[in-house]
Amino acid sequence: WEKMWMDRRSAIEPVISHLKHDHNMIRNFLKGKEGDRINAVLAAAGCNLRKLIRAFFLFLDRFTFFRAHICQISFFHN
């Protein structure tokens, strides 16, 4: 059981580190335990939003490349 806990912890630590450094969680400007919770939720939401935006633009890039490639093939075959 302890080994599973340590493995899980070692998988989570890099995520927490990136949240702290990339989303400015080094210092919390909100008061109390409720402020700590709000800060953590907002940082996680920002991280997820960044992932969604990255995935959207990757999809858009691949979609436009695929569409341009199909148009080019159909142009040369006519």
PDB file of N, CA and C in Angstrom:
ATOM      1  N   TRP A   1       0.814  -1.189   0.000  1.00  0.00           N
ATOM      2  CA  TRP A   1       0.000   0.000   0.000  1.00  0.00           C
ATOM      3  C   TRP A   1       0.863   1.260   0.000  1.00  0.00           C
ATOM      4  N   GLU A   2       1.920   1.243   0.805  1.00  0.00           N
ATOM      5  CA  GLU A   2       2.792   2.410   0.885  1.00  0.00           C
ATOM      6  C   GLU A   2       3.527   2.640  -0.430  1.00  0.00           C
ATOM      7  N   LYS A   3       3.906   1.561  -1.111  1.00  0.00           N
ATOM      8  CA  LYS A   3       4.570   1.697  -2.414  1.00  0.00           C
ATOM      9  C   LYS A   3       3.635   2.354  -3.426  1.00  0.00           C
ATOM     10  N   MET A   4       2.362   1.958  -3.422  1.00  0.00           N
ATOM     11  CA  MET A   4       1.393   2.564  -4.341  1.00  0.00           C
ATOM     12  C   MET A   4       1.235   4.056  -4.035  1.00  0.00           C
ATOM     13  N   TRP A   5       1.225   4.395  -2.754  1.00  0.00           N
ATOM     14  CA  TRP A   5       1.091   5.789  -2.359  1.00  0.00           C
ATOM     15  C   TRP A   5       2.295   6.603  -2.832  1.00  0.00           C
ATOM     16  N   MET A   6       3.485   6.060  -2.681  1.00  0.00           N
ATOM     17  CA  MET A   6       4.688   6.773  -3.100  1.00  0.00           C
ATOM     18  C   MET A   6       4.750   6.911  -4.621  1.00  0.00           C
ATOM     19  N   ASP A   7       4.318   5.878  -5.350  1.00  0.00           N
ATOM     20  CA  ASP A   7       4.281   5.967  -6.810  1.00  0.00           C
ATOM     21  C   ASP A   7       3.305   7.052  -7.257  1.00  0.00           C
ATOM     22  N   ARG A   8       2.162   7.084  -6.612  1.00  0.00           N
ATOM     23  CA  ARG A   8       1.157   8.099  -6.944  1.00  0.00           C
ATOM     24  C   ARG A   8       1.685   9.492  -6.629  1.00  0.00           C
ATOM     25  N   ARG A   9       2.353   9.607  -5.503  1.00  0.00           N
ATOM     26  CA  ARG A   9       2.893  10.898  -5.104  1.00  0.00           C
ATOM     27  C   ARG A   9       3.966  11.363  -6.081  1.00  0.00           C
ATOM     28  N   SER A  10       4.819  10.450  -6.540  1.00  0.00           N
ATOM     29  CA  SER A  10       5.866  10.838  -7.484  1.00  0.00           C
ATOM     30  C   SER A  10       5.283  11.225  -8.837  1.00  0.00           C
ATOM     31  N   ALA A  11       4.093  10.740  -9.154  1.00  0.00           N
ATOM     32  CA  ALA A  11       3.442  11.132 -10.403  1.00  0.00           C
ATOM     33  C   ALA A  11       2.779  12.500 -10.274  1.00  0.00           C
ATOM     34  N   ILE A  12       2.348  12.862  -9.077  1.00  0.00           N
ATOM     35  CA  ILE A  12       1.637  14.116  -8.856  1.00  0.00           C
ATOM     36  C   ILE A  12       2.593  15.293  -8.638  1.00  0.00           C
ATOM     37  N   GLU A  13       3.738  15.053  -8.055  1.00  0.00           N
ATOM     38  CA  GLU A  13       4.663  16.134  -7.712  1.00  0.00           C
ATOM     39  C   GLU A  13       5.034  17.024  -8.902  1.00  0.00           C
ATOM     40  N   PRO A  14       5.356  16.481 -10.090  1.00  0.00           N
ATOM     41  CA  PRO A  14       5.675  17.379 -11.213  1.00  0.00           C
ATOM     42  C   PRO A  14       4.498  18.266 -11.617  1.00  0.00           C
ATOM     43  N   VAL A  15       3.293  17.747 -11.517  1.00  0.00           N
ATOM     44  CA  VAL A  15       2.107  18.538 -11.866  1.00  0.00           C
ATOM     45  C   VAL A  15       1.965  19.711 -10.905  1.00  0.00           C
ATOM     46  N   ILE A  16       2.150  19.453  -9.630  1.00  0.00           N
ATOM     47  CA  ILE A  16       2.057  20.518  -8.630  1.00  0.00           C
ATOM     48  C   ILE A  16       3.161  21.545  -8.852  1.00  0.00           C
ATOM     49  N   SER A  17       4.350  21.085  -9.178  1.00  0.00           N
ATOM     50  CA  SER A  17       5.460  21.995  -9.429  1.00  0.00           C
ATOM     51  C   SER A  17       5.175  22.902 -10.620  1.00  0.00           C
ATOM     52  N   HIS A  18       4.634  22.335 -11.696  1.00  0.00           N
ATOM     53  CA  HIS A  18       4.299  23.157 -12.862  1.00  0.00           C
ATOM     54  C   HIS A  18       3.183  24.145 -12.536  1.00  0.00           C
ATOM     55  N   LEU A  19       2.211  23.713 -11.753  1.00  0.00           N
ATOM     56  CA  LEU A  19       1.154  24.643 -11.348  1.00  0.00           C
ATOM     57  C   LEU A  19       1.733  25.806 -10.553  1.00  0.00           C
ATOM     58  N   LYS A  20       2.650  25.511  -9.656  1.00  0.00           N
ATOM     59  CA  LYS A  20       3.231  26.565  -8.834  1.00  0.00           C
ATOM     60  C   LYS A  20       4.014  27.565  -9.671  1.00  0.00           C
ATOM     61  N   HIS A  21       4.824  27.079 -10.586  1.00  0.00           N
ATOM     62  CA  HIS A  21       5.709  27.976 -11.321  1.00  0.00           C
ATOM     63  C   HIS A  21       5.047  28.595 -12.548  1.00  0.00           C
ATOM     64  N   ASP A  22       4.240  27.848 -13.266  1.00  0.00           N
ATOM     65  CA  ASP A  22       3.635  28.368 -14.491  1.00  0.00           C
ATOM     66  C   ASP A  22       2.407  29.224 -14.226  1.00  0.00           C
ATOM     67  N   HIS A  23       1.702  28.972 -13.146  1.00  0.00           N
ATOM     68  CA  HIS A  23       0.463  29.691 -12.872  1.00  0.00           C
ATOM     69  C   HIS A  23       0.559  30.569 -11.633  1.00  0.00           C
ATOM     70  N   ASN A  24       1.764  30.926 -11.285  1.00  0.00           N
ATOM     71  CA  ASN A  24       2.016  31.903 -10.219  1.00  0.00           C
ATOM     72  C   ASN A  24       1.363  31.518  -8.893  1.00  0.00           C
ATOM     73  N   MET A  25       1.546  30.266  -8.489  1.00  0.00           N
ATOM     74  CA  MET A  25       1.018  29.828  -7.194  1.00  0.00           C
ATOM     75  C   MET A  25       2.071  29.897  -6.090  1.00  0.00           C
ATOM     76  N   ILE A  26       3.173  30.560  -6.360  1.00  0.00           N
ATOM     77  CA  ILE A  26       4.219  30.679  -5.345  1.00  0.00           C
ATOM     78  C   ILE A  26       3.687  31.474  -4.147  1.00  0.00           C
ATOM     79  N   ARG A  27       2.992  32.570  -4.441  1.00  0.00           N
ATOM     80  CA  ARG A  27       2.445  33.415  -3.378  1.00  0.00           C
ATOM     81  C   ARG A  27       0.933  33.494  -3.543  1.00  0.00           C
ATOM     82  N   ASN A  28       0.242  33.338  -2.435  1.00  0.00           N
ATOM     83  CA  ASN A  28      -1.212  33.400  -2.434  1.00  0.00           C
ATOM     84  C   ASN A  28      -1.637  34.744  -1.842  1.00  0.00           C
ATOM     85  N   PHE A  29      -2.395  35.510  -2.608  1.00  0.00           N
ATOM     86  CA  PHE A  29      -2.838  36.819  -2.145  1.00  0.00           C
ATOM     87  C   PHE A  29      -4.241  36.790  -1.544  1.00  0.00           C
ATOM     88  N   LEU A  30      -4.854  35.618  -1.483  1.00  0.00           N
ATOM     89  CA  LEU A  30      -6.193  35.491  -0.917  1.00  0.00           C
ATOM     90  C   LEU A  30      -6.082  35.025   0.533  1.00  0.00           C
ATOM     91  N   LYS A  31      -7.001  35.462   1.383  1.00  0.00           N
ATOM     92  CA  LYS A  31      -6.904  35.195   2.814  1.00  0.00           C
ATOM     93  C   LYS A  31      -7.525  33.867   3.210  1.00  0.00           C
ATOM     94  N   GLY A  32      -6.899  33.203   4.143  1.00  0.00           N
ATOM     95  CA  GLY A  32      -7.470  32.043   4.814  1.00  0.00           C
ATOM     96  C   GLY A  32      -7.495  30.765   3.998  1.00  0.00           C
ATOM     97  N   LYS A  33      -8.142  29.773   4.595  1.00  0.00           N
ATOM     98  CA  LYS A  33      -8.241  28.467   3.942  1.00  0.00           C
ATOM     99  C   LYS A  33      -9.100  28.535   2.689  1.00  0.00           C
ATOM    100  N   GLU A  34     -10.145  29.355   2.740  1.00  0.00           N
ATOM    101  CA  GLU A  34     -11.005  29.511   1.557  1.00  0.00           C
ATOM    102  C   GLU A  34     -10.207  30.137   0.404  1.00  0.00           C
ATOM    103  N   GLY A  35      -9.344  31.081   0.726  1.00  0.00           N
ATOM    104  CA  GLY A  35      -8.483  31.684  -0.291  1.00  0.00           C
ATOM    105  C   GLY A  35      -7.526  30.674  -0.889  1.00  0.00           C
ATOM    106  N   ASP A  36      -7.011  29.774  -0.052  1.00  0.00           N
ATOM    107  CA  ASP A  36      -6.137  28.714  -0.553  1.00  0.00           C
ATOM    108  C   ASP A  36      -6.883  27.814  -1.530  1.00  0.00           C
ATOM    109  N   ARG A  37      -8.105  27.470  -1.178  1.00  0.00           N
ATOM    110  CA  ARG A  37      -8.912  26.610  -2.062  1.00  0.00           C
ATOM    111  C   ARG A  37      -9.213  27.308  -3.384  1.00  0.00           C
ATOM    112  N   ILE A  38      -9.609  28.569  -3.301  1.00  0.00           N
ATOM    113  CA  ILE A  38      -9.931  29.328  -4.517  1.00  0.00           C
ATOM    114  C   ILE A  38      -8.705  29.438  -5.410  1.00  0.00           C
ATOM    115  N   ASN A  39      -7.564  29.721  -4.821  1.00  0.00           N
ATOM    116  CA  ASN A  39      -6.330  29.858  -5.589  1.00  0.00           C
ATOM    117  C   ASN A  39      -5.977  28.552  -6.295  1.00  0.00           C
ATOM    118  N   ALA A  40      -6.119  27.432  -5.609  1.00  0.00           N
ATOM    119  CA  ALA A  40      -5.802  26.136  -6.215  1.00  0.00           C
ATOM    120  C   ALA A  40      -6.768  25.804  -7.350  1.00  0.00           C
ATOM    121  N   VAL A  41      -8.051  26.076  -7.142  1.00  0.00           N
ATOM    122  CA  VAL A  41      -9.049  25.782  -8.179  1.00  0.00           C
ATOM    123  C   VAL A  41      -8.814  26.652  -9.406  1.00  0.00           C
ATOM    124  N   LEU A  42      -8.532  27.933  -9.202  1.00  0.00           N
ATOM    125  CA  LEU A  42      -8.295  28.819 -10.340  1.00  0.00           C
ATOM    126  C   LEU A  42      -7.023  28.440 -11.096  1.00  0.00           C
ATOM    127  N   ALA A  43      -5.986  28.031 -10.388  1.00  0.00           N
ATOM    128  CA  ALA A  43      -4.762  27.607 -11.062  1.00  0.00           C
ATOM    129  C   ALA A  43      -5.002  26.338 -11.874  1.00  0.00           C
ATOM    130  N   ALA A  44      -5.755  25.395 -11.320  1.00  0.00           N
ATOM    131  CA  ALA A  44      -6.075  24.170 -12.058  1.00  0.00           C
ATOM    132  C   ALA A  44      -6.953  24.478 -13.264  1.00  0.00           C
ATOM    133  N   ALA A  45      -7.903  25.403 -13.103  1.00  0.00           N
ATOM    134  CA  ALA A  45      -8.756  25.792 -14.231  1.00  0.00           C
ATOM    135  C   ALA A  45      -7.924  26.450 -15.326  1.00  0.00           C
ATOM    136  N   GLY A  46      -6.972  27.277 -14.943  1.00  0.00           N
ATOM    137  CA  GLY A  46      -6.085  27.896 -15.932  1.00  0.00           C
ATOM    138  C   GLY A  46      -5.244  26.869 -16.662  1.00  0.00           C
ATOM    139  N   CYS A  47      -4.764  25.876 -15.935  1.00  0.00           N
ATOM    140  CA  CYS A  47      -3.982  24.798 -16.550  1.00  0.00           C
ATOM    141  C   CYS A  47      -4.837  24.023 -17.544  1.00  0.00           C
ATOM    142  N   ASN A  48      -6.068  23.689 -17.150  1.00  0.00           N
ATOM    143  CA  ASN A  48      -6.959  22.953 -18.050  1.00  0.00           C
ATOM    144  C   ASN A  48      -7.351  23.792 -19.257  1.00  0.00           C
ATOM    145  N   LEU A  49      -7.563  25.087 -19.057  1.00  0.00           N
ATOM    146  CA  LEU A  49      -7.903  25.966 -20.173  1.00  0.00           C
ATOM    147  C   LEU A  49      -6.748  26.049 -21.163  1.00  0.00           C
ATOM    148  N   ARG A  50      -5.540  26.118 -20.649  1.00  0.00           N
ATOM    149  CA  ARG A  50      -4.369  26.141 -21.531  1.00  0.00           C
ATOM    150  C   ARG A  50      -4.281  24.853 -22.351  1.00  0.00           C
ATOM    151  N   LYS A  51      -4.565  23.711 -21.734  1.00  0.00           N
ATOM    152  CA  LYS A  51      -4.566  22.435 -22.462  1.00  0.00           C
ATOM    153  C   LYS A  51      -5.640  22.409 -23.541  1.00  0.00           C
ATOM    154  N   LEU A  52      -6.839  22.917 -23.211  1.00  0.00           N
ATOM    155  CA  LEU A  52      -7.925  22.949 -24.191  1.00  0.00           C
ATOM    156  C   LEU A  52      -7.593  23.851 -25.378  1.00  0.00           C
ATOM    157  N   ILE A  53      -7.029  25.009 -25.111  1.00  0.00           N
ATOM    158  CA  ILE A  53      -6.673  25.924 -26.196  1.00  0.00           C
ATOM    159  C   ILE A  53      -5.597  25.309 -27.071  1.00  0.00           C
ATOM    160  N   ARG A  54      -4.609  24.669 -26.456  1.00  0.00           N
ATOM    161  CA  ARG A  54      -3.550  24.013 -27.226  1.00  0.00           C
ATOM    162  C   ARG A  54      -4.124  22.906 -28.103  1.00  0.00           C
ATOM    163  N   ALA A  55      -5.022  22.100 -27.563  1.00  0.00           N
ATOM    164  CA  ALA A  55      -5.640  21.018 -28.338  1.00  0.00           C
ATOM    165  C   ALA A  55      -6.498  21.576 -29.466  1.00  0.00           C
ATOM    166  N   PHE A  56      -7.219  22.664 -29.220  1.00  0.00           N
ATOM    167  CA  PHE A  56      -8.056  23.273 -30.255  1.00  0.00           C
ATOM    168  C   PHE A  56      -7.209  23.769 -31.420  1.00  0.00           C
ATOM    169  N   PHE A  57      -6.125  24.475 -31.129  1.00  0.00           N
ATOM    170  CA  PHE A  57      -5.296  24.989 -32.211  1.00  0.00           C
ATOM    171  C   PHE A  57      -4.553  23.875 -32.940  1.00  0.00           C
ATOM    172  N   LEU A  58      -4.192  22.814 -32.239  1.00  0.00           N
ATOM    173  CA  LEU A  58      -3.587  21.665 -32.904  1.00  0.00           C
ATOM    174  C   LEU A  58      -4.589  21.022 -33.855  1.00  0.00           C
ATOM    175  N   PHE A  59      -5.832  20.863 -33.407  1.00  0.00           N
ATOM    176  CA  PHE A  59      -6.883  20.328 -34.271  1.00  0.00           C
ATOM    177  C   PHE A  59      -7.103  21.242 -35.473  1.00  0.00           C
ATOM    178  N   LEU A  60      -7.165  22.543 -35.236  1.00  0.00           N
ATOM    179  CA  LEU A  60      -7.388  23.497 -36.317  1.00  0.00           C
ATOM    180  C   LEU A  60      -6.252  23.447 -37.333  1.00  0.00           C
ATOM    181  N   ASP A  61      -5.032  23.343 -36.853  1.00  0.00           N
ATOM    182  CA  ASP A  61      -3.868  23.262 -37.735  1.00  0.00           C
ATOM    183  C   ASP A  61      -3.919  21.996 -38.585  1.00  0.00           C
ATOM    184  N   ARG A  62      -4.208  20.868 -37.973  1.00  0.00           N
ATOM    185  CA  ARG A  62      -4.283  19.610 -38.720  1.00  0.00           C
ATOM    186  C   ARG A  62      -5.458  19.602 -39.683  1.00  0.00           C
ATOM    187  N   PHE A  63      -6.586  20.172 -39.286  1.00  0.00           N
ATOM    188  CA  PHE A  63      -7.768  20.213 -40.140  1.00  0.00           C
ATOM    189  C   PHE A  63      -7.503  21.059 -41.384  1.00  0.00           C
ATOM    190  N   THR A  64      -6.892  22.227 -41.211  1.00  0.00           N
ATOM    191  CA  THR A  64      -6.628  23.082 -42.374  1.00  0.00           C
ATOM    192  C   THR A  64      -5.582  22.452 -43.278  1.00  0.00           C
ATOM    193  N   PHE A  65      -4.588  21.783 -42.715  1.00  0.00           N
ATOM    194  CA  PHE A  65      -3.596  21.096 -43.544  1.00  0.00           C
ATOM    195  C   PHE A  65      -4.258  19.983 -44.343  1.00  0.00           C
ATOM    196  N   PHE A  66      -5.109  19.196 -43.694  1.00  0.00           N
ATOM    197  CA  PHE A  66      -5.798  18.097 -44.365  1.00  0.00           C
ATOM    198  C   PHE A  66      -6.708  18.633 -45.464  1.00  0.00           C
ATOM    199  N   ARG A  67      -7.441  19.704 -45.180  1.00  0.00           N
ATOM    200  CA  ARG A  67      -8.341  20.283 -46.174  1.00  0.00           C
ATOM    201  C   ARG A  67      -7.565  20.839 -47.360  1.00  0.00           C
ATOM    202  N   ALA A  68      -6.447  21.502 -47.107  1.00  0.00           N
ATOM    203  CA  ALA A  68      -5.625  22.032 -48.194  1.00  0.00           C
ATOM    204  C   ALA A  68      -5.043  20.895 -49.018  1.00  0.00           C
ATOM    205  N   HIS A  69      -4.656  19.819 -48.368  1.00  0.00           N
ATOM    206  CA  HIS A  69      -4.091  18.670 -49.070  1.00  0.00           C
ATOM    207  C   HIS A  69      -5.143  18.023 -49.969  1.00  0.00           C
ATOM    208  N   ILE A  70      -6.359  17.873 -49.493  1.00  0.00           N
ATOM    209  CA  ILE A  70      -7.447  17.295 -50.289  1.00  0.00           C
ATOM    210  C   ILE A  70      -7.769  18.196 -51.479  1.00  0.00           C
ATOM    211  N   CYS A  71      -7.816  19.501 -51.262  1.00  0.00           N
ATOM    212  CA  CYS A  71      -8.093  20.430 -52.366  1.00  0.00           C
ATOM    213  C   CYS A  71      -6.993  20.371 -53.413  1.00  0.00           C
ATOM    214  N   GLN A  72      -5.761  20.239 -52.984  1.00  0.00           N
ATOM    215  CA  GLN A  72      -4.639  20.164 -53.910  1.00  0.00           C
ATOM    216  C   GLN A  72      -4.720  18.883 -54.732  1.00  0.00           C
ATOM    217  N   ILE A  73      -5.045  17.769 -54.112  1.00  0.00           N
ATOM    218  CA  ILE A  73      -5.164  16.499 -54.838  1.00  0.00           C
ATOM    219  C   ILE A  73      -6.303  16.575 -55.845  1.00  0.00           C
ATOM    220  N   SER A  74      -7.449  17.110 -55.453  1.00  0.00           N
ATOM    221  CA  SER A  74      -8.588  17.183 -56.370  1.00  0.00           C
ATOM    222  C   SER A  74      -8.306  18.162 -57.504  1.00  0.00           C
ATOM    223  N   PHE A  75      -7.504  19.203 -57.272  1.00  0.00           N
ATOM    224  CA  PHE A  75      -7.165  20.161 -58.320  1.00  0.00           C
ATOM    225  C   PHE A  75      -6.290  19.511 -59.386  1.00  0.00           C
ATOM    226  N   PHE A  76      -5.325  18.688 -58.974  1.00  0.00           N
ATOM    227  CA  PHE A  76      -4.419  18.069 -59.937  1.00  0.00           C
ATOM    228  C   PHE A  76      -5.058  16.907 -60.686  1.00  0.00           C
ATOM    229  N   HIS A  77      -6.080  16.300 -60.144  1.00  0.00           N
ATOM    230  CA  HIS A  77      -6.722  15.174 -60.819  1.00  0.00           C
ATOM    231  C   HIS A  77      -7.753  15.617 -61.845  1.00  0.00           C
ATOM    232  N   ASN A  78      -8.158  16.858 -61.852  1.00  0.00           N
ATOM    233  CA  ASN A  78      -9.160  17.336 -62.823  1.00  0.00           C
ATOM    234  C   ASN A  78      -8.536  17.775 -64.100  1.00  0.00           C
TER     235      ASN A  78
END
